[in-house]
Amino acid sequence: MKTGLILLLLAACVFAQDDQNAVEELLVETLVKPETCSVLSEMGDTLQIHYTGKLMDGKVIDSSLSRDPLVVELGKRTVISGLEQSLVGVCEGQKVKATIPSHLAYGKKGYPPTIPGDAALEFEVEVMSLIKQTPWQKMVNDVFPLVCLGLVPSLLGLVGLYLYKKANTQKPSKKAKDKKSKKK
């Protein structure tokens, strides 16, 4: 009897652990893939998508099907992290289902009242269009932040040097000013 009870509890723990692991990492499943899929999305590309987001119990939390497609520029954090990650490596016309753990969605706080805290989400997404980033956009996205990181300390150093020099310049004494005003 005791052995049977222990085995039952152990089995329940294993199954509970498997359920938790299923939503601990991002799972992306391809539902439809076009015959020709030569151009895959990368960070910096712009996608137009239709999506339906659900809680794991099937309750729909949001959908773009009754609106214009959502425009997502990958890497700009315009959507939750898990959804953005699931859109890297897709092509135009592809449909995917992404199971997103809470830490890649809305986390412990959730998005009250629609999304409870620690909620895993499921999104079905269709990529309506894919626009590759231009070389200019790539430079702005990749190089510009690095240039700014170098310029900010340089500019702060120049401002500091200017203020230091200004503070240490000799100011005319009061006696010199008084003599000039008495001569007039």
C-alpha atoms as a PDB file:
ATOM      1  CA  MET A   1       0.000   0.000   0.000  1.00  0.00           C
ATOM      2  CA  LYS A   2       2.758   2.463   0.984  1.00  0.00           C
ATOM      3  CA  THR A   3       4.816   1.542  -2.089  1.00  0.00           C
ATOM      4  CA  GLY A   4       1.812   2.125  -4.364  1.00  0.00           C
ATOM      5  CA  LEU A   5       1.140   5.516  -2.785  1.00  0.00           C
ATOM      6  CA  ILE A   6       4.793   6.565  -3.146  1.00  0.00           C
ATOM      7  CA  LEU A   7       4.830   5.492  -6.813  1.00  0.00           C
ATOM      8  CA  LEU A   8       1.599   7.409  -7.436  1.00  0.00           C
ATOM      9  CA  LEU A   9       3.033  10.580  -5.845  1.00  0.00           C
ATOM     10  CA  LEU A  10       6.284  10.172  -7.792  1.00  0.00           C
ATOM     11  CA  ALA A  11       4.381   9.775 -11.070  1.00  0.00           C
ATOM     12  CA  ALA A  12       2.280  12.870 -10.291  1.00  0.00           C
ATOM     13  CA  CYS A  13       5.460  14.883  -9.637  1.00  0.00           C
ATOM     14  CA  VAL A  14       7.007  13.733 -12.933  1.00  0.00           C
ATOM     15  CA  PHE A  15       3.894  14.687 -14.913  1.00  0.00           C
ATOM     16  CA  ALA A  16       3.648  18.061 -13.132  1.00  0.00           C
ATOM     17  CA  GLN A  17       7.312  18.714 -13.890  1.00  0.00           C
ATOM     18  CA  ASP A  18       6.782  17.868 -17.588  1.00  0.00           C
ATOM     19  CA  ASP A  19       3.892  20.363 -17.775  1.00  0.00           C
ATOM     20  CA  GLN A  20       6.052  23.101 -16.242  1.00  0.00           C
ATOM     21  CA  ASN A  21       8.941  22.419 -18.646  1.00  0.00           C
ATOM     22  CA  ALA A  22       6.573  22.687 -21.612  1.00  0.00           C
ATOM     23  CA  VAL A  23       6.031  26.378 -20.869  1.00  0.00           C
ATOM     24  CA  GLU A  24       9.482  27.194 -19.503  1.00  0.00           C
ATOM     25  CA  GLU A  25      10.957  27.670 -22.968  1.00  0.00           C
ATOM     26  CA  LEU A  26       9.694  29.095 -26.219  1.00  0.00           C
ATOM     27  CA  LEU A  27       8.170  26.498 -28.534  1.00  0.00           C
ATOM     28  CA  VAL A  28       7.593  27.440 -32.185  1.00  0.00           C
ATOM     29  CA  GLU A  29       5.661  25.071 -34.428  1.00  0.00           C
ATOM     30  CA  THR A  30       5.251  25.658 -38.177  1.00  0.00           C
ATOM     31  CA  LEU A  31       1.612  25.236 -39.226  1.00  0.00           C
ATOM     32  CA  VAL A  32       1.936  26.290 -42.891  1.00  0.00           C
ATOM     33  CA  LYS A  33       5.085  26.889 -44.902  1.00  0.00           C
ATOM     34  CA  PRO A  34       4.958  28.190 -48.492  1.00  0.00           C
ATOM     35  CA  GLU A  35       6.503  26.077 -51.259  1.00  0.00           C
ATOM     36  CA  THR A  36       9.133  28.722 -51.933  1.00  0.00           C
ATOM     37  CA  CYS A  37      10.691  30.160 -48.837  1.00  0.00           C
ATOM     38  CA  SER A  38      14.003  31.656 -49.958  1.00  0.00           C
ATOM     39  CA  VAL A  39      13.976  34.839 -47.847  1.00  0.00           C
ATOM     40  CA  LEU A  40      13.934  34.359 -44.073  1.00  0.00           C
ATOM     41  CA  SER A  41      13.342  37.137 -41.551  1.00  0.00           C
ATOM     42  CA  GLU A  42      16.212  38.513 -39.468  1.00  0.00           C
ATOM     43  CA  MET A  43      16.509  41.149 -36.757  1.00  0.00           C
ATOM     44  CA  GLY A  44      15.888  44.558 -38.308  1.00  0.00           C
ATOM     45  CA  ASP A  45      13.393  43.279 -40.892  1.00  0.00           C
ATOM     46  CA  THR A  46       9.814  44.535 -40.925  1.00  0.00           C
ATOM     47  CA  LEU A  47       6.911  42.090 -40.900  1.00  0.00           C
ATOM     48  CA  GLN A  48       3.194  42.562 -41.287  1.00  0.00           C
ATOM     49  CA  ILE A  49       1.416  39.861 -39.321  1.00  0.00           C
ATOM     50  CA  HIS A  50      -2.044  38.701 -38.381  1.00  0.00           C
ATOM     51  CA  TYR A  51      -2.179  37.004 -35.009  1.00  0.00           C
ATOM     52  CA  THR A  52      -4.477  35.490 -32.426  1.00  0.00           C
ATOM     53  CA  GLY A  53      -3.199  35.359 -28.849  1.00  0.00           C
ATOM     54  CA  LYS A  54      -4.676  32.980 -26.287  1.00  0.00           C
ATOM     55  CA  LEU A  55      -4.162  31.910 -22.717  1.00  0.00           C
ATOM     56  CA  MET A  56      -3.234  28.239 -22.330  1.00  0.00           C
ATOM     57  CA  ASP A  57      -6.875  27.434 -21.453  1.00  0.00           C
ATOM     58  CA  GLY A  58      -7.908  28.639 -24.938  1.00  0.00           C
ATOM     59  CA  LYS A  59      -9.357  32.024 -23.931  1.00  0.00           C
ATOM     60  CA  VAL A  60      -8.589  34.584 -26.676  1.00  0.00           C
ATOM     61  CA  ILE A  61      -6.826  37.655 -25.299  1.00  0.00           C
ATOM     62  CA  ASP A  62      -6.252  39.555 -28.558  1.00  0.00           C
ATOM     63  CA  SER A  63      -6.526  39.166 -32.306  1.00  0.00           C
ATOM     64  CA  SER A  64      -5.684  41.301 -35.311  1.00  0.00           C
ATOM     65  CA  LEU A  65      -7.960  39.403 -37.697  1.00  0.00           C
ATOM     66  CA  SER A  66     -10.657  42.115 -37.599  1.00  0.00           C
ATOM     67  CA  ARG A  67      -8.070  44.904 -38.092  1.00  0.00           C
ATOM     68  CA  ASP A  68      -5.189  45.756 -40.378  1.00  0.00           C
ATOM     69  CA  PRO A  69      -2.121  43.543 -39.946  1.00  0.00           C
ATOM     70  CA  LEU A  70       0.256  44.498 -37.152  1.00  0.00           C
ATOM     71  CA  VAL A  71       3.576  45.974 -38.317  1.00  0.00           C
ATOM     72  CA  VAL A  72       6.523  44.555 -36.359  1.00  0.00           C
ATOM     73  CA  GLU A  73      10.126  45.673 -36.819  1.00  0.00           C
ATOM     74  CA  LEU A  74      12.200  42.873 -35.357  1.00  0.00           C
ATOM     75  CA  GLY A  75      14.593  44.092 -32.689  1.00  0.00           C
ATOM     76  CA  LYS A  76      12.578  47.202 -31.773  1.00  0.00           C
ATOM     77  CA  ARG A  77      10.632  45.461 -28.984  1.00  0.00           C
ATOM     78  CA  THR A  78       7.228  46.469 -30.287  1.00  0.00           C
ATOM     79  CA  VAL A  79       5.768  43.106 -29.234  1.00  0.00           C
ATOM     80  CA  ILE A  80       6.479  40.773 -26.319  1.00  0.00           C
ATOM     81  CA  SER A  81       9.898  39.146 -26.383  1.00  0.00           C
ATOM     82  CA  GLY A  82       8.651  35.600 -27.011  1.00  0.00           C
ATOM     83  CA  LEU A  83       6.566  36.649 -30.001  1.00  0.00           C
ATOM     84  CA  GLU A  84       9.457  38.623 -31.479  1.00  0.00           C
ATOM     85  CA  GLN A  85      11.809  35.641 -31.069  1.00  0.00           C
ATOM     86  CA  SER A  86       9.291  33.346 -32.760  1.00  0.00           C
ATOM     87  CA  LEU A  87       9.216  35.641 -35.810  1.00  0.00           C
ATOM     88  CA  VAL A  88      12.949  35.337 -36.531  1.00  0.00           C
ATOM     89  CA  GLY A  89      13.579  32.864 -39.345  1.00  0.00           C
ATOM     90  CA  VAL A  90      10.093  32.897 -40.873  1.00  0.00           C
ATOM     91  CA  CYS A  91       9.142  33.740 -44.451  1.00  0.00           C
ATOM     92  CA  GLU A  92       6.256  35.530 -46.112  1.00  0.00           C
ATOM     93  CA  GLY A  93       3.111  33.396 -46.092  1.00  0.00           C
ATOM     94  CA  GLN A  94       4.278  31.199 -43.232  1.00  0.00           C
ATOM     95  CA  LYS A  95       1.965  30.393 -40.313  1.00  0.00           C
ATOM     96  CA  VAL A  96       3.412  29.494 -36.920  1.00  0.00           C
ATOM     97  CA  LYS A  97       2.104  28.650 -33.483  1.00  0.00           C
ATOM     98  CA  ALA A  98       4.267  29.959 -30.647  1.00  0.00           C
ATOM     99  CA  THR A  99       3.884  28.751 -27.076  1.00  0.00           C
ATOM    100  CA  ILE A 100       5.441  31.515 -24.987  1.00  0.00           C
ATOM    101  CA  PRO A 101       6.432  31.095 -21.332  1.00  0.00           C
ATOM    102  CA  SER A 102       5.464  33.876 -18.955  1.00  0.00           C
ATOM    103  CA  HIS A 103       9.024  35.218 -18.574  1.00  0.00           C
ATOM    104  CA  LEU A 104       9.037  35.946 -22.339  1.00  0.00           C
ATOM    105  CA  ALA A 105       5.511  37.414 -22.191  1.00  0.00           C
ATOM    106  CA  TYR A 106       4.159  39.576 -19.349  1.00  0.00           C
ATOM    107  CA  GLY A 107       5.974  37.933 -16.427  1.00  0.00           C
ATOM    108  CA  LYS A 108       4.837  37.819 -12.821  1.00  0.00           C
ATOM    109  CA  LYS A 109       2.672  40.956 -13.075  1.00  0.00           C
ATOM    110  CA  GLY A 110       0.710  39.876 -16.138  1.00  0.00           C
ATOM    111  CA  TYR A 111      -1.428  42.444 -17.928  1.00  0.00           C
ATOM    112  CA  PRO A 112      -4.529  42.863 -15.744  1.00  0.00           C
ATOM    113  CA  PRO A 113      -7.374  42.278 -16.175  1.00  0.00           C
ATOM    114  CA  THR A 114      -6.864  40.271 -19.386  1.00  0.00           C
ATOM    115  CA  ILE A 115      -3.664  38.331 -18.661  1.00  0.00           C
ATOM    116  CA  PRO A 116      -3.003  36.961 -15.166  1.00  0.00           C
ATOM    117  CA  GLY A 117       0.478  36.921 -13.650  1.00  0.00           C
ATOM    118  CA  ASP A 118       2.835  34.089 -14.630  1.00  0.00           C
ATOM    119  CA  ALA A 119       0.627  33.211 -17.611  1.00  0.00           C
ATOM    120  CA  ALA A 120       2.046  31.321 -20.558  1.00  0.00           C
ATOM    121  CA  LEU A 121       0.552  32.405 -23.885  1.00  0.00           C
ATOM    122  CA  GLU A 122      -0.085  30.810 -27.246  1.00  0.00           C
ATOM    123  CA  PHE A 123      -0.004  32.848 -30.460  1.00  0.00           C
ATOM    124  CA  GLU A 124      -0.989  31.740 -33.944  1.00  0.00           C
ATOM    125  CA  VAL A 125       0.694  34.077 -36.420  1.00  0.00           C
ATOM    126  CA  GLU A 126       0.499  34.447 -40.199  1.00  0.00           C
ATOM    127  CA  VAL A 127       3.237  36.491 -41.882  1.00  0.00           C
ATOM    128  CA  MET A 128       1.468  38.645 -44.460  1.00  0.00           C
ATOM    129  CA  SER A 129       4.578  40.441 -45.754  1.00  0.00           C
ATOM    130  CA  LEU A 130       8.310  40.564 -45.104  1.00  0.00           C
ATOM    131  CA  ILE A 131      10.423  43.616 -45.905  1.00  0.00           C
ATOM    132  CA  LYS A 132      14.174  43.149 -45.557  1.00  0.00           C
ATOM    133  CA  GLN A 133      16.062  45.995 -43.915  1.00  0.00           C
ATOM    134  CA  THR A 134      18.075  48.178 -46.264  1.00  0.00           C
ATOM    135  CA  PRO A 135      21.850  48.593 -45.858  1.00  0.00           C
ATOM    136  CA  TRP A 136      21.170  52.110 -44.543  1.00  0.00           C
ATOM    137  CA  GLN A 137      18.762  50.772 -41.898  1.00  0.00           C
ATOM    138  CA  LYS A 138      21.282  48.086 -40.963  1.00  0.00           C
ATOM    139  CA  MET A 139      23.971  50.728 -40.482  1.00  0.00           C
ATOM    140  CA  VAL A 140      21.658  52.898 -38.392  1.00  0.00           C
ATOM    141  CA  ASN A 141      20.561  49.913 -36.282  1.00  0.00           C
ATOM    142  CA  ASP A 142      24.031  48.389 -35.842  1.00  0.00           C
ATOM    143  CA  VAL A 143      26.611  51.191 -36.105  1.00  0.00           C
ATOM    144  CA  PHE A 144      24.792  54.289 -34.880  1.00  0.00           C
ATOM    145  CA  PRO A 145      24.333  53.050 -31.286  1.00  0.00           C
ATOM    146  CA  LEU A 146      28.057  52.259 -31.100  1.00  0.00           C
ATOM    147  CA  VAL A 147      28.982  55.707 -32.413  1.00  0.00           C
ATOM    148  CA  CYS A 148      26.685  57.268 -29.829  1.00  0.00           C
ATOM    149  CA  LEU A 149      28.326  55.229 -27.087  1.00  0.00           C
ATOM    150  CA  GLY A 150      31.648  56.750 -28.112  1.00  0.00           C
ATOM    151  CA  LEU A 151      30.351  60.298 -28.582  1.00  0.00           C
ATOM    152  CA  VAL A 152      28.531  60.691 -25.282  1.00  0.00           C
ATOM    153  CA  PRO A 153      31.624  60.295 -23.063  1.00  0.00           C
ATOM    154  CA  SER A 154      33.618  62.527 -25.441  1.00  0.00           C
ATOM    155  CA  LEU A 155      31.011  65.280 -25.324  1.00  0.00           C
ATOM    156  CA  LEU A 156      30.746  65.024 -21.546  1.00  0.00           C
ATOM    157  CA  GLY A 157      34.540  65.287 -21.330  1.00  0.00           C
ATOM    158  CA  LEU A 158      34.546  68.423 -23.511  1.00  0.00           C
ATOM    159  CA  VAL A 159      31.800  70.034 -21.411  1.00  0.00           C
ATOM    160  CA  GLY A 160      33.748  69.194 -18.264  1.00  0.00           C
ATOM    161  CA  LEU A 161      36.949  70.679 -19.729  1.00  0.00           C
ATOM    162  CA  TYR A 162      35.109  73.864 -20.753  1.00  0.00           C
ATOM    163  CA  LEU A 163      33.598  74.267 -17.282  1.00  0.00           C
ATOM    164  CA  TYR A 164      36.965  73.579 -15.641  1.00  0.00           C
ATOM    165  CA  LYS A 165      38.714  76.222 -17.759  1.00  0.00           C
ATOM    166  CA  LYS A 166      35.920  78.713 -17.184  1.00  0.00           C
ATOM    167  CA  ALA A 167      36.105  78.210 -13.424  1.00  0.00           C
ATOM    168  CA  ASN A 168      39.873  78.684 -13.371  1.00  0.00           C
ATOM    169  CA  THR A 169      40.162  81.825 -15.532  1.00  0.00           C
ATOM    170  CA  GLN A 170      41.234  84.935 -13.624  1.00  0.00           C
ATOM    171  CA  LYS A 171      38.453  87.367 -13.030  1.00  0.00           C
ATOM    172  CA  PRO A 172      39.238  91.093 -12.948  1.00  0.00           C
ATOM    173  CA  SER A 173      39.636  92.312  -9.383  1.00  0.00           C
ATOM    174  CA  LYS A 174      37.195  94.779  -7.801  1.00  0.00           C
ATOM    175  CA  LYS A 175      39.910  97.423  -7.444  1.00  0.00           C
ATOM    176  CA  ALA A 176      40.478  97.520 -11.202  1.00  0.00           C
ATOM    177  CA  LYS A 177      36.757  97.974 -11.795  1.00  0.00           C
ATOM    178  CA  ASP A 178      36.543 100.763  -9.155  1.00  0.00           C
ATOM    179  CA  LYS A 179      39.452 102.716 -10.730  1.00  0.00           C
ATOM    180  CA  LYS A 180      37.805 102.591 -14.140  1.00  0.00           C
ATOM    181  CA  SER A 181      34.491 103.870 -12.784  1.00  0.00           C
ATOM    182  CA  LYS A 182      36.198 106.732 -10.857  1.00  0.00           C
ATOM    183  CA  LYS A 183      38.030 107.925 -13.986  1.00  0.00           C
ATOM    184  CA  LYS A 184      34.764 108.413 -15.809  1.00  0.00           C
END
